Amino acid sequence: NLYSVNANHRKNVFRPIHADDATTQ
């Protein structure tokens, strides 16, 4: 849940989300 919260905070409509970043992994 902590990782999910951090990932949601970093999400930005102007920046694509990379599926292979460290948080997602």
PDBML (XML) file of the C-alpha atoms, coordinates in Angstrom:
<?xml version="1.0" encoding="UTF-8" ?>
<PDBx:datablock datablockName="MODEL"
   xmlns:PDBx="http://pdbml.pdb.org/schema/pdbx-v50.xsd"
   xmlns:xsi="http://www.w3.org/2001/XMLSchema-instance"
   xsi:schemaLocation="http://pdbml.pdb.org/schema/pdbx-v50.xsd pdbx-v50.xsd">
   <PDBx:atom_siteCategory>
      <PDBx:atom_site id="1">
         <PDBx:B_iso_or_equiv>0.00</PDBx:B_iso_or_equiv>
         <PDBx:Cartn_x>0.000</PDBx:Cartn_x>
         <PDBx:Cartn_y>0.000</PDBx:Cartn_y>
         <PDBx:Cartn_z>0.000</PDBx:Cartn_z>
         <PDBx:auth_asym_id>A</PDBx:auth_asym_id>
         <PDBx:auth_atom_id>CA</PDBx:auth_atom_id>
         <PDBx:auth_comp_id>ASN</PDBx:auth_comp_id>
         <PDBx:auth_seq_id>1</PDBx:auth_seq_id>
         <PDBx:group_PDB>ATOM</PDBx:group_PDB>
         <PDBx:label_alt_id xsi:nil="true" />
         <PDBx:label_asym_id>A</PDBx:label_asym_id>
         <PDBx:label_atom_id>CA</PDBx:label_atom_id>
         <PDBx:label_comp_id>ASN</PDBx:label_comp_id>
         <PDBx:label_entity_id>1</PDBx:label_entity_id>
         <PDBx:label_seq_id>1</PDBx:label_seq_id>
         <PDBx:occupancy>1.00</PDBx:occupancy>
         <PDBx:pdbx_PDB_model_num>1</PDBx:pdbx_PDB_model_num>
         <PDBx:type_symbol>C</PDBx:type_symbol>
      </PDBx:atom_site>
      <PDBx:atom_site id="2">
         <PDBx:B_iso_or_equiv>0.00</PDBx:B_iso_or_equiv>
         <PDBx:Cartn_x>2.881</PDBx:Cartn_x>
         <PDBx:Cartn_y>2.362</PDBx:Cartn_y>
         <PDBx:Cartn_z>0.764</PDBx:Cartn_z>
         <PDBx:auth_asym_id>A</PDBx:auth_asym_id>
         <PDBx:auth_atom_id>CA</PDBx:auth_atom_id>
         <PDBx:auth_comp_id>LEU</PDBx:auth_comp_id>
         <PDBx:auth_seq_id>2</PDBx:auth_seq_id>
         <PDBx:group_PDB>ATOM</PDBx:group_PDB>
         <PDBx:label_alt_id xsi:nil="true" />
         <PDBx:label_asym_id>A</PDBx:label_asym_id>
         <PDBx:label_atom_id>CA</PDBx:label_atom_id>
         <PDBx:label_comp_id>LEU</PDBx:label_comp_id>
         <PDBx:label_entity_id>1</PDBx:label_entity_id>
         <PDBx:label_seq_id>2</PDBx:label_seq_id>
         <PDBx:occupancy>1.00</PDBx:occupancy>
         <PDBx:pdbx_PDB_model_num>1</PDBx:pdbx_PDB_model_num>
         <PDBx:type_symbol>C</PDBx:type_symbol>
      </PDBx:atom_site>
      <PDBx:atom_site id="3">
         <PDBx:B_iso_or_equiv>0.00</PDBx:B_iso_or_equiv>
         <PDBx:Cartn_x>4.385</PDBx:Cartn_x>
         <PDBx:Cartn_y>1.701</PDBx:Cartn_y>
         <PDBx:Cartn_z>-2.685</PDBx:Cartn_z>
         <PDBx:auth_asym_id>A</PDBx:auth_asym_id>
         <PDBx:auth_atom_id>CA</PDBx:auth_atom_id>
         <PDBx:auth_comp_id>TYR</PDBx:auth_comp_id>
         <PDBx:auth_seq_id>3</PDBx:auth_seq_id>
         <PDBx:group_PDB>ATOM</PDBx:group_PDB>
         <PDBx:label_alt_id xsi:nil="true" />
         <PDBx:label_asym_id>A</PDBx:label_asym_id>
         <PDBx:label_atom_id>CA</PDBx:label_atom_id>
         <PDBx:label_comp_id>TYR</PDBx:label_comp_id>
         <PDBx:label_entity_id>1</PDBx:label_entity_id>
         <PDBx:label_seq_id>3</PDBx:label_seq_id>
         <PDBx:occupancy>1.00</PDBx:occupancy>
         <PDBx:pdbx_PDB_model_num>1</PDBx:pdbx_PDB_model_num>
         <PDBx:type_symbol>C</PDBx:type_symbol>
      </PDBx:atom_site>
      <PDBx:atom_site id="4">
         <PDBx:B_iso_or_equiv>0.00</PDBx:B_iso_or_equiv>
         <PDBx:Cartn_x>0.970</PDBx:Cartn_x>
         <PDBx:Cartn_y>2.223</PDBx:Cartn_y>
         <PDBx:Cartn_z>-4.286</PDBx:Cartn_z>
         <PDBx:auth_asym_id>A</PDBx:auth_asym_id>
         <PDBx:auth_atom_id>CA</PDBx:auth_atom_id>
         <PDBx:auth_comp_id>SER</PDBx:auth_comp_id>
         <PDBx:auth_seq_id>4</PDBx:auth_seq_id>
         <PDBx:group_PDB>ATOM</PDBx:group_PDB>
         <PDBx:label_alt_id xsi:nil="true" />
         <PDBx:label_asym_id>A</PDBx:label_asym_id>
         <PDBx:label_atom_id>CA</PDBx:label_atom_id>
         <PDBx:label_comp_id>SER</PDBx:label_comp_id>
         <PDBx:label_entity_id>1</PDBx:label_entity_id>
         <PDBx:label_seq_id>4</PDBx:label_seq_id>
         <PDBx:occupancy>1.00</PDBx:occupancy>
         <PDBx:pdbx_PDB_model_num>1</PDBx:pdbx_PDB_model_num>
         <PDBx:type_symbol>C</PDBx:type_symbol>
      </PDBx:atom_site>
      <PDBx:atom_site id="5">
         <PDBx:B_iso_or_equiv>0.00</PDBx:B_iso_or_equiv>
         <PDBx:Cartn_x>0.547</PDBx:Cartn_x>
         <PDBx:Cartn_y>5.571</PDBx:Cartn_y>
         <PDBx:Cartn_z>-2.501</PDBx:Cartn_z>
         <PDBx:auth_asym_id>A</PDBx:auth_asym_id>
         <PDBx:auth_atom_id>CA</PDBx:auth_atom_id>
         <PDBx:auth_comp_id>VAL</PDBx:auth_comp_id>
         <PDBx:auth_seq_id>5</PDBx:auth_seq_id>
         <PDBx:group_PDB>ATOM</PDBx:group_PDB>
         <PDBx:label_alt_id xsi:nil="true" />
         <PDBx:label_asym_id>A</PDBx:label_asym_id>
         <PDBx:label_atom_id>CA</PDBx:label_atom_id>
         <PDBx:label_comp_id>VAL</PDBx:label_comp_id>
         <PDBx:label_entity_id>1</PDBx:label_entity_id>
         <PDBx:label_seq_id>5</PDBx:label_seq_id>
         <PDBx:occupancy>1.00</PDBx:occupancy>
         <PDBx:pdbx_PDB_model_num>1</PDBx:pdbx_PDB_model_num>
         <PDBx:type_symbol>C</PDBx:type_symbol>
      </PDBx:atom_site>
      <PDBx:atom_site id="6">
         <PDBx:B_iso_or_equiv>0.00</PDBx:B_iso_or_equiv>
         <PDBx:Cartn_x>4.021</PDBx:Cartn_x>
         <PDBx:Cartn_y>6.709</PDBx:Cartn_y>
         <PDBx:Cartn_z>-3.556</PDBx:Cartn_z>
         <PDBx:auth_asym_id>A</PDBx:auth_asym_id>
         <PDBx:auth_atom_id>CA</PDBx:auth_atom_id>
         <PDBx:auth_comp_id>ASN</PDBx:auth_comp_id>
         <PDBx:auth_seq_id>6</PDBx:auth_seq_id>
         <PDBx:group_PDB>ATOM</PDBx:group_PDB>
         <PDBx:label_alt_id xsi:nil="true" />
         <PDBx:label_asym_id>A</PDBx:label_asym_id>
         <PDBx:label_atom_id>CA</PDBx:label_atom_id>
         <PDBx:label_comp_id>ASN</PDBx:label_comp_id>
         <PDBx:label_entity_id>1</PDBx:label_entity_id>
         <PDBx:label_seq_id>6</PDBx:label_seq_id>
         <PDBx:occupancy>1.00</PDBx:occupancy>
         <PDBx:pdbx_PDB_model_num>1</PDBx:pdbx_PDB_model_num>
         <PDBx:type_symbol>C</PDBx:type_symbol>
      </PDBx:atom_site>
      <PDBx:atom_site id="7">
         <PDBx:B_iso_or_equiv>0.00</PDBx:B_iso_or_equiv>
         <PDBx:Cartn_x>3.371</PDBx:Cartn_x>
         <PDBx:Cartn_y>5.645</PDBx:Cartn_y>
         <PDBx:Cartn_z>-7.133</PDBx:Cartn_z>
         <PDBx:auth_asym_id>A</PDBx:auth_asym_id>
         <PDBx:auth_atom_id>CA</PDBx:auth_atom_id>
         <PDBx:auth_comp_id>ALA</PDBx:auth_comp_id>
         <PDBx:auth_seq_id>7</PDBx:auth_seq_id>
         <PDBx:group_PDB>ATOM</PDBx:group_PDB>
         <PDBx:label_alt_id xsi:nil="true" />
         <PDBx:label_asym_id>A</PDBx:label_asym_id>
         <PDBx:label_atom_id>CA</PDBx:label_atom_id>
         <PDBx:label_comp_id>ALA</PDBx:label_comp_id>
         <PDBx:label_entity_id>1</PDBx:label_entity_id>
         <PDBx:label_seq_id>7</PDBx:label_seq_id>
         <PDBx:occupancy>1.00</PDBx:occupancy>
         <PDBx:pdbx_PDB_model_num>1</PDBx:pdbx_PDB_model_num>
         <PDBx:type_symbol>C</PDBx:type_symbol>
      </PDBx:atom_site>
      <PDBx:atom_site id="8">
         <PDBx:B_iso_or_equiv>0.00</PDBx:B_iso_or_equiv>
         <PDBx:Cartn_x>0.050</PDBx:Cartn_x>
         <PDBx:Cartn_y>7.531</PDBx:Cartn_y>
         <PDBx:Cartn_z>-7.232</PDBx:Cartn_z>
         <PDBx:auth_asym_id>A</PDBx:auth_asym_id>
         <PDBx:auth_atom_id>CA</PDBx:auth_atom_id>
         <PDBx:auth_comp_id>ASN</PDBx:auth_comp_id>
         <PDBx:auth_seq_id>8</PDBx:auth_seq_id>
         <PDBx:group_PDB>ATOM</PDBx:group_PDB>
         <PDBx:label_alt_id xsi:nil="true" />
         <PDBx:label_asym_id>A</PDBx:label_asym_id>
         <PDBx:label_atom_id>CA</PDBx:label_atom_id>
         <PDBx:label_comp_id>ASN</PDBx:label_comp_id>
         <PDBx:label_entity_id>1</PDBx:label_entity_id>
         <PDBx:label_seq_id>8</PDBx:label_seq_id>
         <PDBx:occupancy>1.00</PDBx:occupancy>
         <PDBx:pdbx_PDB_model_num>1</PDBx:pdbx_PDB_model_num>
         <PDBx:type_symbol>C</PDBx:type_symbol>
      </PDBx:atom_site>
      <PDBx:atom_site id="9">
         <PDBx:B_iso_or_equiv>0.00</PDBx:B_iso_or_equiv>
         <PDBx:Cartn_x>1.738</PDBx:Cartn_x>
         <PDBx:Cartn_y>10.686</PDBx:Cartn_y>
         <PDBx:Cartn_z>-5.929</PDBx:Cartn_z>
         <PDBx:auth_asym_id>A</PDBx:auth_asym_id>
         <PDBx:auth_atom_id>CA</PDBx:auth_atom_id>
         <PDBx:auth_comp_id>HIS</PDBx:auth_comp_id>
         <PDBx:auth_seq_id>9</PDBx:auth_seq_id>
         <PDBx:group_PDB>ATOM</PDBx:group_PDB>
         <PDBx:label_alt_id xsi:nil="true" />
         <PDBx:label_asym_id>A</PDBx:label_asym_id>
         <PDBx:label_atom_id>CA</PDBx:label_atom_id>
         <PDBx:label_comp_id>HIS</PDBx:label_comp_id>
         <PDBx:label_entity_id>1</PDBx:label_entity_id>
         <PDBx:label_seq_id>9</PDBx:label_seq_id>
         <PDBx:occupancy>1.00</PDBx:occupancy>
         <PDBx:pdbx_PDB_model_num>1</PDBx:pdbx_PDB_model_num>
         <PDBx:type_symbol>C</PDBx:type_symbol>
      </PDBx:atom_site>
      <PDBx:atom_site id="10">
         <PDBx:B_iso_or_equiv>0.00</PDBx:B_iso_or_equiv>
         <PDBx:Cartn_x>4.289</PDBx:Cartn_x>
         <PDBx:Cartn_y>10.518</PDBx:Cartn_y>
         <PDBx:Cartn_z>-8.736</PDBx:Cartn_z>
         <PDBx:auth_asym_id>A</PDBx:auth_asym_id>
         <PDBx:auth_atom_id>CA</PDBx:auth_atom_id>
         <PDBx:auth_comp_id>ARG</PDBx:auth_comp_id>
         <PDBx:auth_seq_id>10</PDBx:auth_seq_id>
         <PDBx:group_PDB>ATOM</PDBx:group_PDB>
         <PDBx:label_alt_id xsi:nil="true" />
         <PDBx:label_asym_id>A</PDBx:label_asym_id>
         <PDBx:label_atom_id>CA</PDBx:label_atom_id>
         <PDBx:label_comp_id>ARG</PDBx:label_comp_id>
         <PDBx:label_entity_id>1</PDBx:label_entity_id>
         <PDBx:label_seq_id>10</PDBx:label_seq_id>
         <PDBx:occupancy>1.00</PDBx:occupancy>
         <PDBx:pdbx_PDB_model_num>1</PDBx:pdbx_PDB_model_num>
         <PDBx:type_symbol>C</PDBx:type_symbol>
      </PDBx:atom_site>
      <PDBx:atom_site id="11">
         <PDBx:B_iso_or_equiv>0.00</PDBx:B_iso_or_equiv>
         <PDBx:Cartn_x>1.700</PDBx:Cartn_x>
         <PDBx:Cartn_y>10.012</PDBx:Cartn_y>
         <PDBx:Cartn_z>-11.467</PDBx:Cartn_z>
         <PDBx:auth_asym_id>A</PDBx:auth_asym_id>
         <PDBx:auth_atom_id>CA</PDBx:auth_atom_id>
         <PDBx:auth_comp_id>LYS</PDBx:auth_comp_id>
         <PDBx:auth_seq_id>11</PDBx:auth_seq_id>
         <PDBx:group_PDB>ATOM</PDBx:group_PDB>
         <PDBx:label_alt_id xsi:nil="true" />
         <PDBx:label_asym_id>A</PDBx:label_asym_id>
         <PDBx:label_atom_id>CA</PDBx:label_atom_id>
         <PDBx:label_comp_id>LYS</PDBx:label_comp_id>
         <PDBx:label_entity_id>1</PDBx:label_entity_id>
         <PDBx:label_seq_id>11</PDBx:label_seq_id>
         <PDBx:occupancy>1.00</PDBx:occupancy>
         <PDBx:pdbx_PDB_model_num>1</PDBx:pdbx_PDB_model_num>
         <PDBx:type_symbol>C</PDBx:type_symbol>
      </PDBx:atom_site>
      <PDBx:atom_site id="12">
         <PDBx:B_iso_or_equiv>0.00</PDBx:B_iso_or_equiv>
         <PDBx:Cartn_x>1.350</PDBx:Cartn_x>
         <PDBx:Cartn_y>13.032</PDBx:Cartn_y>
         <PDBx:Cartn_z>-13.756</PDBx:Cartn_z>
         <PDBx:auth_asym_id>A</PDBx:auth_asym_id>
         <PDBx:auth_atom_id>CA</PDBx:auth_atom_id>
         <PDBx:auth_comp_id>ASN</PDBx:auth_comp_id>
         <PDBx:auth_seq_id>12</PDBx:auth_seq_id>
         <PDBx:group_PDB>ATOM</PDBx:group_PDB>
         <PDBx:label_alt_id xsi:nil="true" />
         <PDBx:label_asym_id>A</PDBx:label_asym_id>
         <PDBx:label_atom_id>CA</PDBx:label_atom_id>
         <PDBx:label_comp_id>ASN</PDBx:label_comp_id>
         <PDBx:label_entity_id>1</PDBx:label_entity_id>
         <PDBx:label_seq_id>12</PDBx:label_seq_id>
         <PDBx:occupancy>1.00</PDBx:occupancy>
         <PDBx:pdbx_PDB_model_num>1</PDBx:pdbx_PDB_model_num>
         <PDBx:type_symbol>C</PDBx:type_symbol>
      </PDBx:atom_site>
      <PDBx:atom_site id="13">
         <PDBx:B_iso_or_equiv>0.00</PDBx:B_iso_or_equiv>
         <PDBx:Cartn_x>-0.765</PDBx:Cartn_x>
         <PDBx:Cartn_y>13.401</PDBx:Cartn_y>
         <PDBx:Cartn_z>-16.877</PDBx:Cartn_z>
         <PDBx:auth_asym_id>A</PDBx:auth_asym_id>
         <PDBx:auth_atom_id>CA</PDBx:auth_atom_id>
         <PDBx:auth_comp_id>VAL</PDBx:auth_comp_id>
         <PDBx:auth_seq_id>13</PDBx:auth_seq_id>
         <PDBx:group_PDB>ATOM</PDBx:group_PDB>
         <PDBx:label_alt_id xsi:nil="true" />
         <PDBx:label_asym_id>A</PDBx:label_asym_id>
         <PDBx:label_atom_id>CA</PDBx:label_atom_id>
         <PDBx:label_comp_id>VAL</PDBx:label_comp_id>
         <PDBx:label_entity_id>1</PDBx:label_entity_id>
         <PDBx:label_seq_id>13</PDBx:label_seq_id>
         <PDBx:occupancy>1.00</PDBx:occupancy>
         <PDBx:pdbx_PDB_model_num>1</PDBx:pdbx_PDB_model_num>
         <PDBx:type_symbol>C</PDBx:type_symbol>
      </PDBx:atom_site>
      <PDBx:atom_site id="14">
         <PDBx:B_iso_or_equiv>0.00</PDBx:B_iso_or_equiv>
         <PDBx:Cartn_x>2.136</PDBx:Cartn_x>
         <PDBx:Cartn_y>15.196</PDBx:Cartn_y>
         <PDBx:Cartn_z>-18.577</PDBx:Cartn_z>
         <PDBx:auth_asym_id>A</PDBx:auth_asym_id>
         <PDBx:auth_atom_id>CA</PDBx:auth_atom_id>
         <PDBx:auth_comp_id>PHE</PDBx:auth_comp_id>
         <PDBx:auth_seq_id>14</PDBx:auth_seq_id>
         <PDBx:group_PDB>ATOM</PDBx:group_PDB>
         <PDBx:label_alt_id xsi:nil="true" />
         <PDBx:label_asym_id>A</PDBx:label_asym_id>
         <PDBx:label_atom_id>CA</PDBx:label_atom_id>
         <PDBx:label_comp_id>PHE</PDBx:label_comp_id>
         <PDBx:label_entity_id>1</PDBx:label_entity_id>
         <PDBx:label_seq_id>14</PDBx:label_seq_id>
         <PDBx:occupancy>1.00</PDBx:occupancy>
         <PDBx:pdbx_PDB_model_num>1</PDBx:pdbx_PDB_model_num>
         <PDBx:type_symbol>C</PDBx:type_symbol>
      </PDBx:atom_site>
      <PDBx:atom_site id="15">
         <PDBx:B_iso_or_equiv>0.00</PDBx:B_iso_or_equiv>
         <PDBx:Cartn_x>4.615</PDBx:Cartn_x>
         <PDBx:Cartn_y>12.367</PDBx:Cartn_y>
         <PDBx:Cartn_z>-17.791</PDBx:Cartn_z>
         <PDBx:auth_asym_id>A</PDBx:auth_asym_id>
         <PDBx:auth_atom_id>CA</PDBx:auth_atom_id>
         <PDBx:auth_comp_id>ARG</PDBx:auth_comp_id>
         <PDBx:auth_seq_id>15</PDBx:auth_seq_id>
         <PDBx:group_PDB>ATOM</PDBx:group_PDB>
         <PDBx:label_alt_id xsi:nil="true" />
         <PDBx:label_asym_id>A</PDBx:label_asym_id>
         <PDBx:label_atom_id>CA</PDBx:label_atom_id>
         <PDBx:label_comp_id>ARG</PDBx:label_comp_id>
         <PDBx:label_entity_id>1</PDBx:label_entity_id>
         <PDBx:label_seq_id>15</PDBx:label_seq_id>
         <PDBx:occupancy>1.00</PDBx:occupancy>
         <PDBx:pdbx_PDB_model_num>1</PDBx:pdbx_PDB_model_num>
         <PDBx:type_symbol>C</PDBx:type_symbol>
      </PDBx:atom_site>
      <PDBx:atom_site id="16">
         <PDBx:B_iso_or_equiv>0.00</PDBx:B_iso_or_equiv>
         <PDBx:Cartn_x>4.267</PDBx:Cartn_x>
         <PDBx:Cartn_y>8.817</PDBx:Cartn_y>
         <PDBx:Cartn_z>-19.065</PDBx:Cartn_z>
         <PDBx:auth_asym_id>A</PDBx:auth_asym_id>
         <PDBx:auth_atom_id>CA</PDBx:auth_atom_id>
         <PDBx:auth_comp_id>PRO</PDBx:auth_comp_id>
         <PDBx:auth_seq_id>16</PDBx:auth_seq_id>
         <PDBx:group_PDB>ATOM</PDBx:group_PDB>
         <PDBx:label_alt_id xsi:nil="true" />
         <PDBx:label_asym_id>A</PDBx:label_asym_id>
         <PDBx:label_atom_id>CA</PDBx:label_atom_id>
         <PDBx:label_comp_id>PRO</PDBx:label_comp_id>
         <PDBx:label_entity_id>1</PDBx:label_entity_id>
         <PDBx:label_seq_id>16</PDBx:label_seq_id>
         <PDBx:occupancy>1.00</PDBx:occupancy>
         <PDBx:pdbx_PDB_model_num>1</PDBx:pdbx_PDB_model_num>
         <PDBx:type_symbol>C</PDBx:type_symbol>
      </PDBx:atom_site>
      <PDBx:atom_site id="17">
         <PDBx:B_iso_or_equiv>0.00</PDBx:B_iso_or_equiv>
         <PDBx:Cartn_x>4.429</PDBx:Cartn_x>
         <PDBx:Cartn_y>5.964</PDBx:Cartn_y>
         <PDBx:Cartn_z>-16.539</PDBx:Cartn_z>
         <PDBx:auth_asym_id>A</PDBx:auth_asym_id>
         <PDBx:auth_atom_id>CA</PDBx:auth_atom_id>
         <PDBx:auth_comp_id>ILE</PDBx:auth_comp_id>
         <PDBx:auth_seq_id>17</PDBx:auth_seq_id>
         <PDBx:group_PDB>ATOM</PDBx:group_PDB>
         <PDBx:label_alt_id xsi:nil="true" />
         <PDBx:label_asym_id>A</PDBx:label_asym_id>
         <PDBx:label_atom_id>CA</PDBx:label_atom_id>
         <PDBx:label_comp_id>ILE</PDBx:label_comp_id>
         <PDBx:label_entity_id>1</PDBx:label_entity_id>
         <PDBx:label_seq_id>17</PDBx:label_seq_id>
         <PDBx:occupancy>1.00</PDBx:occupancy>
         <PDBx:pdbx_PDB_model_num>1</PDBx:pdbx_PDB_model_num>
         <PDBx:type_symbol>C</PDBx:type_symbol>
      </PDBx:atom_site>
      <PDBx:atom_site id="18">
         <PDBx:B_iso_or_equiv>0.00</PDBx:B_iso_or_equiv>
         <PDBx:Cartn_x>7.166</PDBx:Cartn_x>
         <PDBx:Cartn_y>3.479</PDBx:Cartn_y>
         <PDBx:Cartn_z>-17.271</PDBx:Cartn_z>
         <PDBx:auth_asym_id>A</PDBx:auth_asym_id>
         <PDBx:auth_atom_id>CA</PDBx:auth_atom_id>
         <PDBx:auth_comp_id>HIS</PDBx:auth_comp_id>
         <PDBx:auth_seq_id>18</PDBx:auth_seq_id>
         <PDBx:group_PDB>ATOM</PDBx:group_PDB>
         <PDBx:label_alt_id xsi:nil="true" />
         <PDBx:label_asym_id>A</PDBx:label_asym_id>
         <PDBx:label_atom_id>CA</PDBx:label_atom_id>
         <PDBx:label_comp_id>HIS</PDBx:label_comp_id>
         <PDBx:label_entity_id>1</PDBx:label_entity_id>
         <PDBx:label_seq_id>18</PDBx:label_seq_id>
         <PDBx:occupancy>1.00</PDBx:occupancy>
         <PDBx:pdbx_PDB_model_num>1</PDBx:pdbx_PDB_model_num>
         <PDBx:type_symbol>C</PDBx:type_symbol>
      </PDBx:atom_site>
      <PDBx:atom_site id="19">
         <PDBx:B_iso_or_equiv>0.00</PDBx:B_iso_or_equiv>
         <PDBx:Cartn_x>6.131</PDBx:Cartn_x>
         <PDBx:Cartn_y>-0.119</PDBx:Cartn_y>
         <PDBx:Cartn_z>-16.537</PDBx:Cartn_z>
         <PDBx:auth_asym_id>A</PDBx:auth_asym_id>
         <PDBx:auth_atom_id>CA</PDBx:auth_atom_id>
         <PDBx:auth_comp_id>ALA</PDBx:auth_comp_id>
         <PDBx:auth_seq_id>19</PDBx:auth_seq_id>
         <PDBx:group_PDB>ATOM</PDBx:group_PDB>
         <PDBx:label_alt_id xsi:nil="true" />
         <PDBx:label_asym_id>A</PDBx:label_asym_id>
         <PDBx:label_atom_id>CA</PDBx:label_atom_id>
         <PDBx:label_comp_id>ALA</PDBx:label_comp_id>
         <PDBx:label_entity_id>1</PDBx:label_entity_id>
         <PDBx:label_seq_id>19</PDBx:label_seq_id>
         <PDBx:occupancy>1.00</PDBx:occupancy>
         <PDBx:pdbx_PDB_model_num>1</PDBx:pdbx_PDB_model_num>
         <PDBx:type_symbol>C</PDBx:type_symbol>
      </PDBx:atom_site>
      <PDBx:atom_site id="20">
         <PDBx:B_iso_or_equiv>0.00</PDBx:B_iso_or_equiv>
         <PDBx:Cartn_x>9.679</PDBx:Cartn_x>
         <PDBx:Cartn_y>-1.140</PDBx:Cartn_y>
         <PDBx:Cartn_z>-15.741</PDBx:Cartn_z>
         <PDBx:auth_asym_id>A</PDBx:auth_asym_id>
         <PDBx:auth_atom_id>CA</PDBx:auth_atom_id>
         <PDBx:auth_comp_id>ASP</PDBx:auth_comp_id>
         <PDBx:auth_seq_id>20</PDBx:auth_seq_id>
         <PDBx:group_PDB>ATOM</PDBx:group_PDB>
         <PDBx:label_alt_id xsi:nil="true" />
         <PDBx:label_asym_id>A</PDBx:label_asym_id>
         <PDBx:label_atom_id>CA</PDBx:label_atom_id>
         <PDBx:label_comp_id>ASP</PDBx:label_comp_id>
         <PDBx:label_entity_id>1</PDBx:label_entity_id>
         <PDBx:label_seq_id>20</PDBx:label_seq_id>
         <PDBx:occupancy>1.00</PDBx:occupancy>
         <PDBx:pdbx_PDB_model_num>1</PDBx:pdbx_PDB_model_num>
         <PDBx:type_symbol>C</PDBx:type_symbol>
      </PDBx:atom_site>
      <PDBx:atom_site id="21">
         <PDBx:B_iso_or_equiv>0.00</PDBx:B_iso_or_equiv>
         <PDBx:Cartn_x>10.563</PDBx:Cartn_x>
         <PDBx:Cartn_y>1.506</PDBx:Cartn_y>
         <PDBx:Cartn_z>-13.135</PDBx:Cartn_z>
         <PDBx:auth_asym_id>A</PDBx:auth_asym_id>
         <PDBx:auth_atom_id>CA</PDBx:auth_atom_id>
         <PDBx:auth_comp_id>ASP</PDBx:auth_comp_id>
         <PDBx:auth_seq_id>21</PDBx:auth_seq_id>
         <PDBx:group_PDB>ATOM</PDBx:group_PDB>
         <PDBx:label_alt_id xsi:nil="true" />
         <PDBx:label_asym_id>A</PDBx:label_asym_id>
         <PDBx:label_atom_id>CA</PDBx:label_atom_id>
         <PDBx:label_comp_id>ASP</PDBx:label_comp_id>
         <PDBx:label_entity_id>1</PDBx:label_entity_id>
         <PDBx:label_seq_id>21</PDBx:label_seq_id>
         <PDBx:occupancy>1.00</PDBx:occupancy>
         <PDBx:pdbx_PDB_model_num>1</PDBx:pdbx_PDB_model_num>
         <PDBx:type_symbol>C</PDBx:type_symbol>
      </PDBx:atom_site>
      <PDBx:atom_site id="22">
         <PDBx:B_iso_or_equiv>0.00</PDBx:B_iso_or_equiv>
         <PDBx:Cartn_x>11.862</PDBx:Cartn_x>
         <PDBx:Cartn_y>0.387</PDBx:Cartn_y>
         <PDBx:Cartn_z>-9.711</PDBx:Cartn_z>
         <PDBx:auth_asym_id>A</PDBx:auth_asym_id>
         <PDBx:auth_atom_id>CA</PDBx:auth_atom_id>
         <PDBx:auth_comp_id>ALA</PDBx:auth_comp_id>
         <PDBx:auth_seq_id>22</PDBx:auth_seq_id>
         <PDBx:group_PDB>ATOM</PDBx:group_PDB>
         <PDBx:label_alt_id xsi:nil="true" />
         <PDBx:label_asym_id>A</PDBx:label_asym_id>
         <PDBx:label_atom_id>CA</PDBx:label_atom_id>
         <PDBx:label_comp_id>ALA</PDBx:label_comp_id>
         <PDBx:label_entity_id>1</PDBx:label_entity_id>
         <PDBx:label_seq_id>22</PDBx:label_seq_id>
         <PDBx:occupancy>1.00</PDBx:occupancy>
         <PDBx:pdbx_PDB_model_num>1</PDBx:pdbx_PDB_model_num>
         <PDBx:type_symbol>C</PDBx:type_symbol>
      </PDBx:atom_site>
      <PDBx:atom_site id="23">
         <PDBx:B_iso_or_equiv>0.00</PDBx:B_iso_or_equiv>
         <PDBx:Cartn_x>8.619</PDBx:Cartn_x>
         <PDBx:Cartn_y>1.141</PDBx:Cartn_y>
         <PDBx:Cartn_z>-7.877</PDBx:Cartn_z>
         <PDBx:auth_asym_id>A</PDBx:auth_asym_id>
         <PDBx:auth_atom_id>CA</PDBx:auth_atom_id>
         <PDBx:auth_comp_id>THR</PDBx:auth_comp_id>
         <PDBx:auth_seq_id>23</PDBx:auth_seq_id>
         <PDBx:group_PDB>ATOM</PDBx:group_PDB>
         <PDBx:label_alt_id xsi:nil="true" />
         <PDBx:label_asym_id>A</PDBx:label_asym_id>
         <PDBx:label_atom_id>CA</PDBx:label_atom_id>
         <PDBx:label_comp_id>THR</PDBx:label_comp_id>
         <PDBx:label_entity_id>1</PDBx:label_entity_id>
         <PDBx:label_seq_id>23</PDBx:label_seq_id>
         <PDBx:occupancy>1.00</PDBx:occupancy>
         <PDBx:pdbx_PDB_model_num>1</PDBx:pdbx_PDB_model_num>
         <PDBx:type_symbol>C</PDBx:type_symbol>
      </PDBx:atom_site>
      <PDBx:atom_site id="24">
         <PDBx:B_iso_or_equiv>0.00</PDBx:B_iso_or_equiv>
         <PDBx:Cartn_x>6.486</PDBx:Cartn_x>
         <PDBx:Cartn_y>-0.895</PDBx:Cartn_y>
         <PDBx:Cartn_z>-10.268</PDBx:Cartn_z>
         <PDBx:auth_asym_id>A</PDBx:auth_asym_id>
         <PDBx:auth_atom_id>CA</PDBx:auth_atom_id>
         <PDBx:auth_comp_id>THR</PDBx:auth_comp_id>
         <PDBx:auth_seq_id>24</PDBx:auth_seq_id>
         <PDBx:group_PDB>ATOM</PDBx:group_PDB>
         <PDBx:label_alt_id xsi:nil="true" />
         <PDBx:label_asym_id>A</PDBx:label_asym_id>
         <PDBx:label_atom_id>CA</PDBx:label_atom_id>
         <PDBx:label_comp_id>THR</PDBx:label_comp_id>
         <PDBx:label_entity_id>1</PDBx:label_entity_id>
         <PDBx:label_seq_id>24</PDBx:label_seq_id>
         <PDBx:occupancy>1.00</PDBx:occupancy>
         <PDBx:pdbx_PDB_model_num>1</PDBx:pdbx_PDB_model_num>
         <PDBx:type_symbol>C</PDBx:type_symbol>
      </PDBx:atom_site>
      <PDBx:atom_site id="25">
         <PDBx:B_iso_or_equiv>0.00</PDBx:B_iso_or_equiv>
         <PDBx:Cartn_x>8.974</PDBx:Cartn_x>
         <PDBx:Cartn_y>-3.758</PDBx:Cartn_y>
         <PDBx:Cartn_z>-10.149</PDBx:Cartn_z>
         <PDBx:auth_asym_id>A</PDBx:auth_asym_id>
         <PDBx:auth_atom_id>CA</PDBx:auth_atom_id>
         <PDBx:auth_comp_id>GLN</PDBx:auth_comp_id>
         <PDBx:auth_seq_id>25</PDBx:auth_seq_id>
         <PDBx:group_PDB>ATOM</PDBx:group_PDB>
         <PDBx:label_alt_id xsi:nil="true" />
         <PDBx:label_asym_id>A</PDBx:label_asym_id>
         <PDBx:label_atom_id>CA</PDBx:label_atom_id>
         <PDBx:label_comp_id>GLN</PDBx:label_comp_id>
         <PDBx:label_entity_id>1</PDBx:label_entity_id>
         <PDBx:label_seq_id>25</PDBx:label_seq_id>
         <PDBx:occupancy>1.00</PDBx:occupancy>
         <PDBx:pdbx_PDB_model_num>1</PDBx:pdbx_PDB_model_num>
         <PDBx:type_symbol>C</PDBx:type_symbol>
      </PDBx:atom_site>
   </PDBx:atom_siteCategory>
</PDBx:datablock>
